[in-house]
Amino acid sequence: MNTPLNIQHGHLNFQPRLIGKEKACFRLMKLFPQFVFDIAKLEGSPYTFPQVQTLLEGITIGGKRLEDQQLILNQRDSLQRLLRLVKKYKFMITKDIFCQLHELVVYEEALTWGKFRDGSVSIAGTDYSPPESMQLDHIFGEIVNYLQTIQNPLESAMLFFLMGSLAQFFFDGNKRTSRLMMNGLLLSSGIDAISIPAKKKLAFNKKMLAFYNTRNANDLLKFLCSIAGYRIKKYKNNYINGEWLMVNVTTQP
């Protein structure tokens, strides 16, 4: 089966740690300020972690631009919505849920929010050209159908993030919203959510640019696995029978 957007990727040859949906959601709530801080920092937020904590407690930080404050509040609201959807068994990979989350992620930040783009976009630093807007509904359907063929829930979730980022369904907020969808899949499967640490911003950005240019997802899959706490003992790409394979991946003890 051809992959959506002609992405090349390997398959994880291990099963992720399953801790249960309730515990996974609880652990995310305990780390809620850290998740919001990491997301905002990847977007260039000037807020420090203590300032994020303070704002989440309802206290405005003096001397900060309104748009910087809005960025923090948007990530709070979208993450809270995701948790409610998962806890109520209402999270699904649908266009409606995707757009619901996007509306909160970039509220009053982007050109439009809560709907697929109706114009062209580009990605700075790469020659990659995202699909035309009239193709987006079809591509989303292809992604949903393809992920149903992936048995490993960790792999499936990570692939949605990568495919959503590559397709650029929205004018802005694509990586943020696609990561939320990834975490919705993980939490619903009883797997810990993944946050890309602020200190990994440079490495993450470099790997994303390489992914846009090559459409080979293996290096990013490895990167995301390491962030999620899985140790990669050996890693190589083999092209066998038309399929990329990721081999010798082991979990942390």
Foldseek 3Di string as FASTA:
>chain_A
DQAQPNFAEAADPDAADFQALVVQLVVCVVCVLQQLVLVLLLVPQPDDSVQLVCVVVPDDDPPDDPVSSLQSQLLSVLLVVLSVCLVVVNDDLDLQNLQVSQCSNQPVNFPDGSAFDQAFEDDPPAPFGADHQVCVVVSSVSLVVVLVVRPHLLVSLVVQLLSQVLNRRHRDDRNVSSLSSSQSSQSNRRHHRFGDGSVCSVVVVVLSRVCSHPSHCHVVSQVRCVRSQWDQPDFDWDQDPNHTHTDRTGGDD
